[in-house]
PDB file of N, CA and C in Angstrom:
ATOM      1  N   UNK A   1       4.523-121.375 165.779  1.00  0.00           N
ATOM      2  CA  UNK A   1       4.225-122.770 166.025  1.00  0.00           C
ATOM      3  C   UNK A   1       4.821-123.619 164.906  1.00  0.00           C
ATOM      4  N   UNK A   2       5.480-124.696 165.245  1.00  0.00           N
ATOM      5  CA  UNK A   2       6.082-125.580 164.251  1.00  0.00           C
ATOM      6  C   UNK A   2       5.122-126.703 163.872  1.00  0.00           C
ATOM      7  N   UNK A   3       5.338-127.241 162.685  1.00  0.00           N
ATOM      8  CA  UNK A   3       4.576-128.394 162.217  1.00  0.00           C
ATOM      9  C   UNK A   3       4.805-129.566 163.180  1.00  0.00           C
ATOM     10  N   UNK A   4       3.727-130.218 163.591  1.00  0.00           N
ATOM     11  CA  UNK A   4       3.856-131.336 164.525  1.00  0.00           C
ATOM     12  C   UNK A   4       4.401-132.598 163.856  1.00  0.00           C
ATOM     13  N   UNK A   5       4.408-132.635 162.529  1.00  0.00           N
ATOM     14  CA  UNK A   5       4.915-133.797 161.799  1.00  0.00           C
ATOM     15  C   UNK A   5       6.408-133.659 161.528  1.00  0.00           C
ATOM     16  N   UNK A   6       6.811-132.585 160.832  1.00  0.00           N
ATOM     17  CA  UNK A   6       8.217-132.466 160.409  1.00  0.00           C
ATOM     18  C   UNK A   6       9.077-131.642 161.365  1.00  0.00           C
ATOM     19  N   UNK A   7       8.450-130.806 162.194  1.00  0.00           N
ATOM     20  CA  UNK A   7       9.145-129.941 163.157  1.00  0.00           C
ATOM     21  C   UNK A   7      10.015-128.863 162.490  1.00  0.00           C
ATOM     22  N   UNK A   8       9.806-128.616 161.199  1.00  0.00           N
ATOM     23  CA  UNK A   8      10.589-127.601 160.487  1.00  0.00           C
ATOM     24  C   UNK A   8       9.717-126.486 159.928  1.00  0.00           C
ATOM     25  N   UNK A   9       8.579-126.834 159.339  1.00  0.00           N
ATOM     26  CA  UNK A   9       7.721-125.839 158.708  1.00  0.00           C
ATOM     27  C   UNK A   9       6.778-125.187 159.693  1.00  0.00           C
ATOM     28  N   UNK A  10       6.064-124.210 159.173  1.00  0.00           N
ATOM     29  CA  UNK A  10       5.065-123.492 159.951  1.00  0.00           C
ATOM     30  C   UNK A  10       3.699-123.757 159.333  1.00  0.00           C
ATOM     31  N   UNK A  11       2.737-124.228 160.113  1.00  0.00           N
ATOM     32  CA  UNK A  11       1.393-124.464 159.563  1.00  0.00           C
ATOM     33  C   UNK A  11       0.751-123.161 159.096  1.00  0.00           C
ATOM     34  N   UNK A  12       0.158-123.207 157.922  1.00  0.00           N
ATOM     35  CA  UNK A  12      -0.531-122.064 157.335  1.00  0.00           C
ATOM     36  C   UNK A  12      -1.954-122.482 156.982  1.00  0.00           C
ATOM     37  N   UNK A  13      -2.920-121.571 157.095  1.00  0.00           N
ATOM     38  CA  UNK A  13      -4.289-121.911 156.681  1.00  0.00           C
ATOM     39  C   UNK A  13      -4.327-122.224 155.192  1.00  0.00           C
ATOM     40  N   UNK A  14      -5.078-123.247 154.837  1.00  0.00           N
ATOM     41  CA  UNK A  14      -5.221-123.628 153.440  1.00  0.00           C
ATOM     42  C   UNK A  14      -6.387-124.584 153.288  1.00  0.00           C
ATOM     43  N   UNK A  15      -6.455-125.225 152.134  1.00  0.00           N
ATOM     44  CA  UNK A  15      -7.476-126.244 151.902  1.00  0.00           C
ATOM     45  C   UNK A  15      -6.820-127.474 151.306  1.00  0.00           C
ATOM     46  N   UNK A  16      -7.457-128.625 151.527  1.00  0.00           N
ATOM     47  CA  UNK A  16      -6.954-129.897 151.018  1.00  0.00           C
ATOM     48  C   UNK A  16      -8.119-130.713 150.477  1.00  0.00           C
ATOM     49  N   UNK A  17      -7.798-131.766 149.766  1.00  0.00           N
ATOM     50  CA  UNK A  17      -8.777-132.743 149.323  1.00  0.00           C
ATOM     51  C   UNK A  17      -8.608-133.984 150.182  1.00  0.00           C
ATOM     52  N   UNK A  18      -9.713-134.464 150.744  1.00  0.00           N
ATOM     53  CA  UNK A  18      -9.693-135.645 151.604  1.00  0.00           C
ATOM     54  C   UNK A  18     -10.396-136.778 150.869  1.00  0.00           C
ATOM     55  N   UNK A  19      -9.749-137.929 150.800  1.00  0.00           N
ATOM     56  CA  UNK A  19     -10.341-139.120 150.200  1.00  0.00           C
ATOM     57  C   UNK A  19     -10.493-140.174 151.285  1.00  0.00           C
ATOM     58  N   UNK A  20     -11.707-140.688 151.411  1.00  0.00           N
ATOM     59  CA  UNK A  20     -12.005-141.715 152.407  1.00  0.00           C
ATOM     60  C   UNK A  20     -12.607-142.928 151.701  1.00  0.00           C
ATOM     61  N   UNK A  21     -12.296-144.102 152.209  1.00  0.00           N
ATOM     62  CA  UNK A  21     -12.819-145.329 151.620  1.00  0.00           C
ATOM     63  C   UNK A  21     -13.270-146.262 152.737  1.00  0.00           C
ATOM     64  N   UNK A  22     -14.461-146.792 152.582  1.00  0.00           N
ATOM     65  CA  UNK A  22     -14.954-147.807 153.517  1.00  0.00           C
ATOM     66  C   UNK A  22     -15.793-148.797 152.731  1.00  0.00           C
ATOM     67  N   UNK A  23     -15.359-150.054 152.744  1.00  0.00           N
ATOM     68  CA  UNK A  23     -16.058-151.071 151.969  1.00  0.00           C
ATOM     69  C   UNK A  23     -16.047-150.691 150.505  1.00  0.00           C
ATOM     70  N   UNK A  24     -17.237-150.663 149.901  1.00  0.00           N
ATOM     71  CA  UNK A  24     -17.353-150.344 148.477  1.00  0.00           C
ATOM     72  C   UNK A  24     -17.566-148.856 148.223  1.00  0.00           C
ATOM     73  N   UNK A  25     -17.518-148.032 149.265  1.00  0.00           N
ATOM     74  CA  UNK A  25     -17.783-146.604 149.132  1.00  0.00           C
ATOM     75  C   UNK A  25     -16.491-145.798 149.162  1.00  0.00           C
ATOM     76  N   UNK A  26     -16.351-144.893 148.189  1.00  0.00           N
ATOM     77  CA  UNK A  26     -15.225-143.970 148.138  1.00  0.00           C
ATOM     78  C   UNK A  26     -15.801-142.557 148.140  1.00  0.00           C
ATOM     79  N   UNK A  27     -15.294-141.733 149.052  1.00  0.00           N
ATOM     80  CA  UNK A  27     -15.759-140.357 149.188  1.00  0.00           C
ATOM     81  C   UNK A  27     -14.572-139.428 148.970  1.00  0.00           C
ATOM     82  N   UNK A  28     -14.756-138.427 148.116  1.00  0.00           N
ATOM     83  CA  UNK A  28     -13.742-137.397 147.909  1.00  0.00           C
ATOM     84  C   UNK A  28     -14.374-136.070 148.313  1.00  0.00           C
ATOM     85  N   UNK A  29     -13.711-135.371 149.238  1.00  0.00           N
ATOM     86  CA  UNK A  29     -14.225-134.085 149.710  1.00  0.00           C
ATOM     87  C   UNK A  29     -13.174-133.024 149.398  1.00  0.00           C
ATOM     88  N   UNK A  30     -13.541-132.067 148.562  1.00  0.00           N
ATOM     89  CA  UNK A  30     -12.619-131.013 148.131  1.00  0.00           C
ATOM     90  C   UNK A  30     -12.783-129.762 148.984  1.00  0.00           C
ATOM     91  N   UNK A  31     -11.755-128.947 148.985  1.00  0.00           N
ATOM     92  CA  UNK A  31     -11.757-127.645 149.661  1.00  0.00           C
ATOM     93  C   UNK A  31     -11.993-127.751 151.167  1.00  0.00           C
ATOM     94  N   UNK A  32     -11.387-128.757 151.790  1.00  0.00           N
ATOM     95  CA  UNK A  32     -11.506-128.937 153.234  1.00  0.00           C
ATOM     96  C   UNK A  32     -10.519-127.996 153.923  1.00  0.00           C
ATOM     97  N   UNK A  33     -10.980-127.145 154.843  1.00  0.00           N
ATOM     98  CA  UNK A  33     -10.056-126.239 155.535  1.00  0.00           C
ATOM     99  C   UNK A  33      -9.076-127.031 156.408  1.00  0.00           C
ATOM    100  N   UNK A  34      -7.807-126.648 156.321  1.00  0.00           N
ATOM    101  CA  UNK A  34      -6.766-127.361 157.058  1.00  0.00           C
ATOM    102  C   UNK A  34      -5.603-126.421 157.342  1.00  0.00           C
ATOM    103  N   UNK A  35      -4.755-126.857 158.239  1.00  0.00           N
ATOM    104  CA  UNK A  35      -3.471-126.202 158.456  1.00  0.00           C
ATOM    105  C   UNK A  35      -2.461-126.997 157.638  1.00  0.00           C
ATOM    106  N   UNK A  36      -1.739-126.318 156.747  1.00  0.00           N
ATOM    107  CA  UNK A  36      -0.832-126.993 155.819  1.00  0.00           C
ATOM    108  C   UNK A  36       0.602-126.545 156.112  1.00  0.00           C
ATOM    109  N   UNK A  37       1.512-127.511 156.278  1.00  0.00           N
ATOM    110  CA  UNK A  37       2.916-127.224 156.577  1.00  0.00           C
ATOM    111  C   UNK A  37       3.562-126.470 155.414  1.00  0.00           C
ATOM    112  N   UNK A  38       4.211-125.363 155.730  1.00  0.00           N
ATOM    113  CA  UNK A  38       4.870-124.548 154.708  1.00  0.00           C
ATOM    114  C   UNK A  38       6.093-125.246 154.125  1.00  0.00           C
ATOM    115  N   UNK A  39       6.645-126.196 154.836  1.00  0.00           N
ATOM    116  CA  UNK A  39       7.864-126.878 154.385  1.00  0.00           C
ATOM    117  C   UNK A  39       7.564-128.104 153.515  1.00  0.00           C
ATOM    118  N   UNK A  40       6.696-128.990 153.995  1.00  0.00           N
ATOM    119  CA  UNK A  40       6.479-130.273 153.321  1.00  0.00           C
ATOM    120  C   UNK A  40       5.054-130.502 152.857  1.00  0.00           C
ATOM    121  N   UNK A  41       4.133-129.606 153.191  1.00  0.00           N
ATOM    122  CA  UNK A  41       2.759-129.742 152.724  1.00  0.00           C
ATOM    123  C   UNK A  41       1.901-130.703 153.535  1.00  0.00           C
ATOM    124  N   UNK A  42       2.425-131.212 154.644  1.00  0.00           N
ATOM    125  CA  UNK A  42       1.607-132.065 155.513  1.00  0.00           C
ATOM    126  C   UNK A  42       0.421-131.247 156.002  1.00  0.00           C
ATOM    127  N   UNK A  43      -0.732-131.890 156.117  1.00  0.00           N
ATOM    128  CA  UNK A  43      -1.901-131.144 156.559  1.00  0.00           C
ATOM    129  C   UNK A  43      -2.495-131.750 157.821  1.00  0.00           C
ATOM    130  N   UNK A  44      -3.198-130.908 158.557  1.00  0.00           N
ATOM    131  CA  UNK A  44      -3.921-131.381 159.734  1.00  0.00           C
ATOM    132  C   UNK A  44      -5.264-130.665 159.790  1.00  0.00           C
ATOM    133  N   UNK A  45      -6.268-131.394 160.280  1.00  0.00           N
ATOM    134  CA  UNK A  45      -7.619-130.871 160.381  1.00  0.00           C
ATOM    135  C   UNK A  45      -7.973-130.695 161.846  1.00  0.00           C
ATOM    136  N   UNK A  46      -8.769-129.690 162.137  1.00  0.00           N
ATOM    137  CA  UNK A  46      -9.207-129.539 163.523  1.00  0.00           C
ATOM    138  C   UNK A  46     -10.333-130.536 163.815  1.00  0.00           C
ATOM    139  N   UNK A  47     -10.680-130.646 165.075  1.00  0.00           N
ATOM    140  CA  UNK A  47     -11.666-131.642 165.518  1.00  0.00           C
ATOM    141  C   UNK A  47     -13.040-131.424 164.886  1.00  0.00           C
ATOM    142  N   UNK A  48     -13.477-130.173 164.793  1.00  0.00           N
ATOM    143  CA  UNK A  48     -14.786-129.861 164.217  1.00  0.00           C
ATOM    144  C   UNK A  48     -14.848-130.260 162.741  1.00  0.00           C
ATOM    145  N   UNK A  49     -13.803-129.946 161.992  1.00  0.00           N
ATOM    146  CA  UNK A  49     -13.753-130.286 160.571  1.00  0.00           C
ATOM    147  C   UNK A  49     -13.717-131.800 160.391  1.00  0.00           C
ATOM    148  N   UNK A  50     -12.908-132.481 161.194  1.00  0.00           N
ATOM    149  CA  UNK A  50     -12.820-133.934 161.104  1.00  0.00           C
ATOM    150  C   UNK A  50     -14.179-134.572 161.379  1.00  0.00           C
ATOM    151  N   UNK A  51     -14.861-134.107 162.400  1.00  0.00           N
ATOM    152  CA  UNK A  51     -16.181-134.634 162.725  1.00  0.00           C
ATOM    153  C   UNK A  51     -17.156-134.423 161.570  1.00  0.00           C
ATOM    154  N   UNK A  52     -17.098-133.251 160.966  1.00  0.00           N
ATOM    155  CA  UNK A  52     -18.001-132.933 159.852  1.00  0.00           C
ATOM    156  C   UNK A  52     -17.753-133.851 158.653  1.00  0.00           C
ATOM    157  N   UNK A  53     -16.503-134.057 158.269  1.00  0.00           N
ATOM    158  CA  UNK A  53     -16.246-134.908 157.099  1.00  0.00           C
ATOM    159  C   UNK A  53     -16.554-136.375 157.406  1.00  0.00           C
ATOM    160  N   UNK A  54     -16.362-136.793 158.644  1.00  0.00           N
ATOM    161  CA  UNK A  54     -16.712-138.167 159.000  1.00  0.00           C
ATOM    162  C   UNK A  54     -18.230-138.366 158.931  1.00  0.00           C
ATOM    163  N   UNK A  55     -19.007-137.355 159.329  1.00  0.00           N
ATOM    164  CA  UNK A  55     -20.465-137.429 159.196  1.00  0.00           C
ATOM    165  C   UNK A  55     -20.885-137.485 157.734  1.00  0.00           C
ATOM    166  N   UNK A  56     -20.240-136.685 156.888  1.00  0.00           N
ATOM    167  CA  UNK A  56     -20.535-136.713 155.457  1.00  0.00           C
ATOM    168  C   UNK A  56     -20.263-138.100 154.886  1.00  0.00           C
ATOM    169  N   UNK A  57     -19.149-138.679 155.283  1.00  0.00           N
ATOM    170  CA  UNK A  57     -18.775-140.007 154.786  1.00  0.00           C
ATOM    171  C   UNK A  57     -19.755-141.069 155.286  1.00  0.00           C
ATOM    172  N   UNK A  58     -20.128-140.994 156.536  1.00  0.00           N
ATOM    173  CA  UNK A  58     -21.065-141.972 157.099  1.00  0.00           C
ATOM    174  C   UNK A  58     -22.406-141.931 156.373  1.00  0.00           C
ATOM    175  N   UNK A  59     -22.873-140.739 156.048  1.00  0.00           N
ATOM    176  CA  UNK A  59     -24.126-140.612 155.308  1.00  0.00           C
ATOM    177  C   UNK A  59     -24.017-141.264 153.932  1.00  0.00           C
ATOM    178  N   UNK A  60     -22.882-141.093 153.267  1.00  0.00           N
ATOM    179  CA  UNK A  60     -22.684-141.721 151.957  1.00  0.00           C
ATOM    180  C   UNK A  60     -22.673-143.242 152.075  1.00  0.00           C
ATOM    181  N   UNK A  61     -22.040-143.759 153.121  1.00  0.00           N
ATOM    182  CA  UNK A  61     -22.018-145.216 153.341  1.00  0.00           C
ATOM    183  C   UNK A  61     -23.443-145.715 153.576  1.00  0.00           C
ATOM    184  N   UNK A  62     -24.216-144.980 154.365  1.00  0.00           N
ATOM    185  CA  UNK A  62     -25.597-145.381 154.644  1.00  0.00           C
ATOM    186  C   UNK A  62     -26.458-145.383 153.376  1.00  0.00           C
ATOM    187  N   UNK A  63     -26.121-144.529 152.410  1.00  0.00           N
ATOM    188  CA  UNK A  63     -26.840-144.484 151.125  1.00  0.00           C
ATOM    189  C   UNK A  63     -26.335-145.556 150.169  1.00  0.00           C
ATOM    190  N   UNK A  64     -25.329-146.319 150.588  1.00  0.00           N
ATOM    191  CA  UNK A  64     -24.702-147.345 149.749  1.00  0.00           C
ATOM    192  C   UNK A  64     -24.111-146.738 148.479  1.00  0.00           C
ATOM    193  N   UNK A  65     -23.537-145.564 148.615  1.00  0.00           N
ATOM    194  CA  UNK A  65     -22.924-144.883 147.476  1.00  0.00           C
ATOM    195  C   UNK A  65     -21.686-145.652 147.021  1.00  0.00           C
ATOM    196  N   UNK A  66     -21.462-145.704 145.737  1.00  0.00           N
ATOM    197  CA  UNK A  66     -20.240-146.308 145.205  1.00  0.00           C
ATOM    198  C   UNK A  66     -19.099-145.313 145.305  1.00  0.00           C
ATOM    199  N   UNK A  67     -19.330-144.117 144.762  1.00  0.00           N
ATOM    200  CA  UNK A  67     -18.336-143.051 144.821  1.00  0.00           C
ATOM    201  C   UNK A  67     -19.075-141.716 144.790  1.00  0.00           C
ATOM    202  N   UNK A  68     -18.626-140.794 145.613  1.00  0.00           N
ATOM    203  CA  UNK A  68     -19.221-139.463 145.642  1.00  0.00           C
ATOM    204  C   UNK A  68     -18.122-138.431 145.809  1.00  0.00           C
ATOM    205  N   UNK A  69     -18.323-137.277 145.173  1.00  0.00           N
ATOM    206  CA  UNK A  69     -17.401-136.150 145.300  1.00  0.00           C
ATOM    207  C   UNK A  69     -18.198-134.970 145.840  1.00  0.00           C
ATOM    208  N   UNK A  70     -17.680-134.368 146.909  1.00  0.00           N
ATOM    209  CA  UNK A  70     -18.329-133.233 147.557  1.00  0.00           C
ATOM    210  C   UNK A  70     -17.367-132.053 147.610  1.00  0.00           C
ATOM    211  N   UNK A  71     -17.935-130.856 147.775  1.00  0.00           N
ATOM    212  CA  UNK A  71     -17.187-129.685 148.179  1.00  0.00           C
ATOM    213  C   UNK A  71     -17.535-129.467 149.643  1.00  0.00           C
ATOM    214  N   UNK A  72     -16.523-129.195 150.442  1.00  0.00           N
ATOM    215  CA  UNK A  72     -16.735-128.996 151.873  1.00  0.00           C
ATOM    216  C   UNK A  72     -17.576-127.746 152.081  1.00  0.00           C
ATOM    217  N   UNK A  73     -18.588-127.862 152.917  1.00  0.00           N
ATOM    218  CA  UNK A  73     -19.410-126.723 153.334  1.00  0.00           C
ATOM    219  C   UNK A  73     -19.678-126.893 154.818  1.00  0.00           C
ATOM    220  N   UNK A  74     -19.309-125.906 155.600  1.00  0.00           N
ATOM    221  CA  UNK A  74     -19.473-125.999 157.054  1.00  0.00           C
ATOM    222  C   UNK A  74     -20.912-125.997 157.472  1.00  0.00           C
TER     223      UNK A  74
END
């Protein structure tokens, strides 16, 4: 399977750091499982992982957090 972004590399399992910002809240989530392009390092997340990190971010916004750093845990 080729990378859907560059069409040259092959996606490999790996982890990435995701940074999200909404209003005054900044969320950094480390060790997020992703498919990472072997050629250019572009990453993609599956639907379940994306939903999970969006829920984590929404909870931080609801707490009125200024900045939070998490490690991904399924």
